[in-house]
Amino acid sequence: MCEEPRFIYMKAPRTGGTSILRLTFEKMPLDIFHHKNHPGRFAAWLSQATDADLEQYFIFTFVRNPWDRAVSIAGHFQIPFKQFAENFQQLVTQDQNPLEHSLPLHNYAYLE
């Protein structure tokens, strides 16, 4: 998130987002902060943000081919892809980490 210029980057896991953040946005002379590295500041901003405030921001995300993303998730957690694909429901029920990385991309591209 960046207050000037006003944009919010909704970074979805396993979409190349960290590379985008590090190789582009963090190299720019912008005051960028996010919940992972600046939890207090982000929480304070979020608690005060209103719908009217959010309308003033350009909000965007990046998506990835779902199969590429599935391969990336399996690789990230060092699970053979065949096992990941065949046992996906069981894996995400037992372990929150793969589940959090597997949330549908529309969760990052849609605000209610």
Foldseek 3Di string as FASTA:
>chain_A
DFVVVAAAELEAAQQCRVVCCVVPVVVDPTDDDDCVVCVVVVVVVVVPDDPVNCVSYHYYYGDDDLVSSLVSLCVVVVHPSVCCVVCVVVVCVVDVVSVSNNPDCVVRVDDD
